[in-house]
Amino acid sequence: MLGNGRLEAMCFDGVKRLCHIRGKLRKKASKYKTMFIFNQAKIVWINQGDIILIGLRDYQDAKADVILKYTPDEARNLKTYGEFPET
């Protein structure tokens, strides 16, 4: 984690990219609360070693956006389905 919603990710193609965490994944609570409906954003923690899905930028090869953090079960399933390259 670099701060300000950014992190450095090592991609499967061997390139280290500066990634921006989308607002939906950032740690924040909703400001809008009504009497019966409590609208809270889901808090996602991204730690070193987590498997994340990033979206590459067309115009900047060294930068990307974090789209999704896989749960350990999802990452295990992706590995068994052969979605990760053999490295």
N, C-alpha and C. Protein backbone atom coordinates (compact mmCIF):
# COMPACT_ATOMS: atom_id res chain seq x y z
N MET A 1 0.85 -1.18 0.00
CA MET A 1 0.00 0.00 0.00
C MET A 1 0.89 1.24 0.00
N LEU A 2 0.55 2.16 -0.87
CA LEU A 2 1.31 3.39 -0.98
C LEU A 2 0.60 4.58 -0.36
N GLY A 3 -0.65 4.43 -0.01
CA GLY A 3 -1.43 5.53 0.53
C GLY A 3 -2.26 6.18 -0.55
N ASN A 4 -3.26 6.93 -0.13
CA ASN A 4 -4.15 7.65 -1.03
C ASN A 4 -4.84 6.72 -2.03
N GLY A 5 -5.18 5.50 -1.59
CA GLY A 5 -5.90 4.56 -2.45
C GLY A 5 -5.05 3.97 -3.56
N ARG A 6 -3.75 3.89 -3.36
CA ARG A 6 -2.87 3.34 -4.38
C ARG A 6 -2.08 2.16 -3.81
N LEU A 7 -1.67 1.27 -4.69
CA LEU A 7 -0.81 0.16 -4.31
C LEU A 7 0.04 -0.23 -5.50
N GLU A 8 1.08 -0.99 -5.23
CA GLU A 8 1.94 -1.49 -6.29
C GLU A 8 1.67 -2.97 -6.41
N ALA A 9 1.33 -3.44 -7.62
CA ALA A 9 0.98 -4.83 -7.85
C ALA A 9 1.97 -5.47 -8.81
N MET A 10 2.35 -6.71 -8.51
CA MET A 10 3.17 -7.48 -9.42
C MET A 10 2.23 -8.33 -10.26
N CYS A 11 2.25 -8.11 -11.55
CA CYS A 11 1.34 -8.79 -12.46
C CYS A 11 1.96 -10.08 -12.99
N PHE A 12 1.12 -10.96 -13.55
CA PHE A 12 1.59 -12.23 -14.07
C PHE A 12 2.51 -12.08 -15.27
N ASP A 13 2.45 -10.93 -15.94
CA ASP A 13 3.35 -10.72 -17.08
C ASP A 13 4.72 -10.20 -16.64
N GLY A 14 4.94 -10.13 -15.32
CA GLY A 14 6.23 -9.74 -14.78
C GLY A 14 6.43 -8.25 -14.62
N VAL A 15 5.40 -7.46 -14.85
CA VAL A 15 5.49 -6.00 -14.76
C VAL A 15 4.91 -5.54 -13.43
N LYS A 16 5.61 -4.65 -12.74
CA LYS A 16 5.10 -4.03 -11.52
C LYS A 16 4.31 -2.79 -11.94
N ARG A 17 3.05 -2.71 -11.50
CA ARG A 17 2.19 -1.60 -11.91
C ARG A 17 1.67 -0.84 -10.70
N LEU A 18 1.53 0.46 -10.88
CA LEU A 18 0.92 1.32 -9.88
C LEU A 18 -0.59 1.22 -10.08
N CYS A 19 -1.30 0.79 -9.06
CA CYS A 19 -2.75 0.56 -9.18
C CYS A 19 -3.52 1.52 -8.29
N HIS A 20 -4.65 1.94 -8.79
CA HIS A 20 -5.57 2.81 -8.05
C HIS A 20 -6.75 1.97 -7.61
N ILE A 21 -7.10 2.07 -6.31
CA ILE A 21 -8.24 1.31 -5.78
C ILE A 21 -9.51 2.10 -6.03
N ARG A 22 -10.46 1.47 -6.67
CA ARG A 22 -11.74 2.12 -6.97
C ARG A 22 -12.43 2.57 -5.70
N GLY A 23 -13.24 3.59 -5.81
CA GLY A 23 -13.97 4.12 -4.66
C GLY A 23 -14.89 3.10 -4.02
N LYS A 24 -15.45 2.19 -4.81
CA LYS A 24 -16.36 1.17 -4.29
C LYS A 24 -15.62 0.22 -3.34
N LEU A 25 -14.32 0.00 -3.57
CA LEU A 25 -13.55 -0.92 -2.74
C LEU A 25 -12.86 -0.24 -1.58
N ARG A 26 -12.82 1.06 -1.58
CA ARG A 26 -12.12 1.78 -0.51
C ARG A 26 -12.86 1.67 0.80
N LYS A 27 -12.11 1.82 1.89
CA LYS A 27 -12.71 1.75 3.23
C LYS A 27 -13.44 3.05 3.51
N LYS A 28 -14.75 3.00 3.42
CA LYS A 28 -15.54 4.17 3.77
C LYS A 28 -16.95 3.74 4.14
N ALA A 29 -17.56 4.48 4.99
CA ALA A 29 -18.93 4.21 5.38
C ALA A 29 -19.84 5.24 4.72
N SER A 30 -21.04 4.82 4.44
CA SER A 30 -21.98 5.70 3.77
C SER A 30 -22.41 6.84 4.70
N LYS A 31 -22.56 8.01 4.15
CA LYS A 31 -22.99 9.17 4.93
C LYS A 31 -24.51 9.26 5.01
N TYR A 32 -25.18 8.52 4.13
CA TYR A 32 -26.62 8.65 4.03
C TYR A 32 -27.30 7.54 4.82
N LYS A 33 -27.95 7.92 5.93
CA LYS A 33 -28.66 6.95 6.76
C LYS A 33 -30.07 7.46 6.98
N THR A 34 -31.02 6.56 6.85
CA THR A 34 -32.40 6.91 7.17
C THR A 34 -32.82 6.10 8.40
N MET A 35 -34.05 6.29 8.83
CA MET A 35 -34.47 5.67 10.06
C MET A 35 -34.52 4.15 9.95
N PHE A 36 -34.95 3.60 8.82
CA PHE A 36 -35.11 2.16 8.71
C PHE A 36 -34.05 1.50 7.81
N ILE A 37 -33.46 2.26 6.94
CA ILE A 37 -32.49 1.70 6.00
C ILE A 37 -31.11 2.25 6.33
N PHE A 38 -30.19 1.35 6.62
CA PHE A 38 -28.82 1.75 6.88
C PHE A 38 -27.99 1.32 5.67
N ASN A 39 -27.51 2.30 4.95
CA ASN A 39 -26.79 2.05 3.72
C ASN A 39 -25.29 2.14 4.00
N GLN A 40 -24.61 1.01 4.10
CA GLN A 40 -23.18 1.02 4.39
C GLN A 40 -22.43 0.35 3.25
N ALA A 41 -21.30 0.93 2.90
CA ALA A 41 -20.46 0.34 1.86
C ALA A 41 -19.71 -0.85 2.43
N LYS A 42 -19.47 -1.83 1.59
CA LYS A 42 -18.71 -3.00 2.00
C LYS A 42 -17.24 -2.62 2.12
N ILE A 43 -16.63 -2.97 3.23
CA ILE A 43 -15.23 -2.63 3.47
C ILE A 43 -14.37 -3.79 3.00
N VAL A 44 -13.41 -3.48 2.15
CA VAL A 44 -12.51 -4.50 1.61
C VAL A 44 -11.09 -4.13 2.01
N TRP A 45 -10.38 -5.08 2.62
CA TRP A 45 -8.99 -4.87 2.98
C TRP A 45 -8.14 -5.62 1.97
N ILE A 46 -7.15 -4.93 1.41
CA ILE A 46 -6.23 -5.57 0.48
C ILE A 46 -4.88 -5.64 1.17
N ASN A 47 -4.37 -6.86 1.34
CA ASN A 47 -3.10 -7.09 2.01
C ASN A 47 -2.08 -7.64 1.03
N GLN A 48 -0.84 -7.61 1.42
CA GLN A 48 0.22 -8.16 0.59
C GLN A 48 -0.01 -9.66 0.42
N GLY A 49 0.09 -10.13 -0.81
CA GLY A 49 -0.12 -11.54 -1.11
C GLY A 49 -1.53 -11.87 -1.55
N ASP A 50 -2.46 -10.92 -1.48
CA ASP A 50 -3.82 -11.17 -1.94
C ASP A 50 -3.86 -11.21 -3.46
N ILE A 51 -4.80 -11.99 -3.99
CA ILE A 51 -5.01 -12.06 -5.44
C ILE A 51 -6.08 -11.05 -5.79
N ILE A 52 -5.74 -10.12 -6.70
CA ILE A 52 -6.68 -9.08 -7.12
C ILE A 52 -6.82 -9.09 -8.63
N LEU A 53 -7.93 -8.61 -9.10
CA LEU A 53 -8.17 -8.44 -10.53
C LEU A 53 -7.97 -6.97 -10.84
N ILE A 54 -7.12 -6.67 -11.81
CA ILE A 54 -6.88 -5.28 -12.18
C ILE A 54 -7.27 -5.07 -13.63
N GLY A 55 -7.65 -3.84 -13.92
CA GLY A 55 -7.96 -3.45 -15.29
C GLY A 55 -6.83 -2.58 -15.82
N LEU A 56 -6.22 -3.02 -16.91
CA LEU A 56 -5.12 -2.26 -17.49
C LEU A 56 -5.66 -1.03 -18.21
N ARG A 57 -4.88 0.01 -18.21
CA ARG A 57 -5.26 1.23 -18.90
C ARG A 57 -4.70 1.21 -20.32
N ASP A 58 -5.49 1.63 -21.28
CA ASP A 58 -5.05 1.65 -22.68
C ASP A 58 -3.94 2.65 -22.91
N TYR A 59 -4.00 3.75 -22.22
CA TYR A 59 -3.11 4.86 -22.50
C TYR A 59 -1.91 4.92 -21.56
N GLN A 60 -1.88 4.10 -20.50
CA GLN A 60 -0.76 4.07 -19.56
C GLN A 60 -0.46 2.63 -19.20
N ASP A 61 0.64 2.09 -19.73
CA ASP A 61 0.96 0.69 -19.51
C ASP A 61 1.41 0.41 -18.08
N ALA A 62 1.99 1.40 -17.41
CA ALA A 62 2.53 1.20 -16.07
C ALA A 62 1.49 1.42 -14.98
N LYS A 63 0.25 1.74 -15.34
CA LYS A 63 -0.80 1.99 -14.35
C LYS A 63 -2.01 1.12 -14.62
N ALA A 64 -2.75 0.82 -13.55
CA ALA A 64 -3.95 -0.01 -13.66
C ALA A 64 -4.92 0.35 -12.55
N ASP A 65 -6.11 -0.22 -12.60
CA ASP A 65 -7.15 0.01 -11.60
C ASP A 65 -7.55 -1.32 -10.98
N VAL A 66 -7.68 -1.34 -9.65
CA VAL A 66 -8.11 -2.55 -8.95
C VAL A 66 -9.62 -2.67 -9.12
N ILE A 67 -10.05 -3.79 -9.66
CA ILE A 67 -11.47 -4.01 -9.92
C ILE A 67 -12.10 -4.90 -8.85
N LEU A 68 -11.36 -5.93 -8.41
CA LEU A 68 -11.94 -6.93 -7.51
C LEU A 68 -10.84 -7.59 -6.69
N LYS A 69 -11.13 -7.90 -5.46
CA LYS A 69 -10.24 -8.72 -4.63
C LYS A 69 -10.90 -10.09 -4.51
N TYR A 70 -10.14 -11.13 -4.86
CA TYR A 70 -10.66 -12.48 -4.76
C TYR A 70 -10.57 -12.98 -3.32
N THR A 71 -11.58 -13.70 -2.89
CA THR A 71 -11.53 -14.36 -1.59
C THR A 71 -10.58 -15.55 -1.70
N PRO A 72 -10.11 -16.09 -0.58
CA PRO A 72 -9.23 -17.27 -0.67
C PRO A 72 -9.87 -18.44 -1.41
N ASP A 73 -11.17 -18.66 -1.23
CA ASP A 73 -11.85 -19.74 -1.94
C ASP A 73 -11.89 -19.49 -3.44
N GLU A 74 -12.17 -18.25 -3.83
CA GLU A 74 -12.19 -17.92 -5.25
C GLU A 74 -10.81 -18.08 -5.88
N ALA A 75 -9.76 -17.65 -5.16
CA ALA A 75 -8.40 -17.78 -5.67
C ALA A 75 -8.02 -19.25 -5.80
N ARG A 76 -8.43 -20.07 -4.86
CA ARG A 76 -8.16 -21.51 -4.93
C ARG A 76 -8.85 -22.14 -6.13
N ASN A 77 -10.10 -21.73 -6.37
CA ASN A 77 -10.84 -22.24 -7.53
C ASN A 77 -10.18 -21.82 -8.84
N LEU A 78 -9.74 -20.57 -8.92
CA LEU A 78 -9.06 -20.11 -10.12
C LEU A 78 -7.80 -20.91 -10.39
N LYS A 79 -7.09 -21.26 -9.33
CA LYS A 79 -5.87 -22.04 -9.49
C LYS A 79 -6.18 -23.45 -9.97
N THR A 80 -7.22 -24.07 -9.42
CA THR A 80 -7.57 -25.44 -9.85
C THR A 80 -8.11 -25.46 -11.28
N TYR A 81 -8.74 -24.36 -11.72
CA TYR A 81 -9.24 -24.29 -13.09
C TYR A 81 -8.15 -23.93 -14.09
N GLY A 82 -6.95 -23.67 -13.59
CA GLY A 82 -5.83 -23.36 -14.48
C GLY A 82 -5.83 -21.96 -15.04
N GLU A 83 -6.45 -21.02 -14.34
CA GLU A 83 -6.51 -19.64 -14.81
C GLU A 83 -5.23 -18.86 -14.53
N PHE A 84 -4.39 -19.36 -13.60
CA PHE A 84 -3.12 -18.69 -13.29
C PHE A 84 -2.02 -19.32 -14.13
N PRO A 85 -1.11 -18.51 -14.64
CA PRO A 85 0.01 -19.08 -15.40
C PRO A 85 0.96 -19.81 -14.46
N GLU A 86 1.64 -20.80 -14.98
CA GLU A 86 2.60 -21.57 -14.20
C GLU A 86 3.88 -20.77 -14.06
N THR A 87 4.15 -20.24 -12.86
CA THR A 87 5.39 -19.46 -12.63
C THR A 87 6.07 -19.97 -11.39
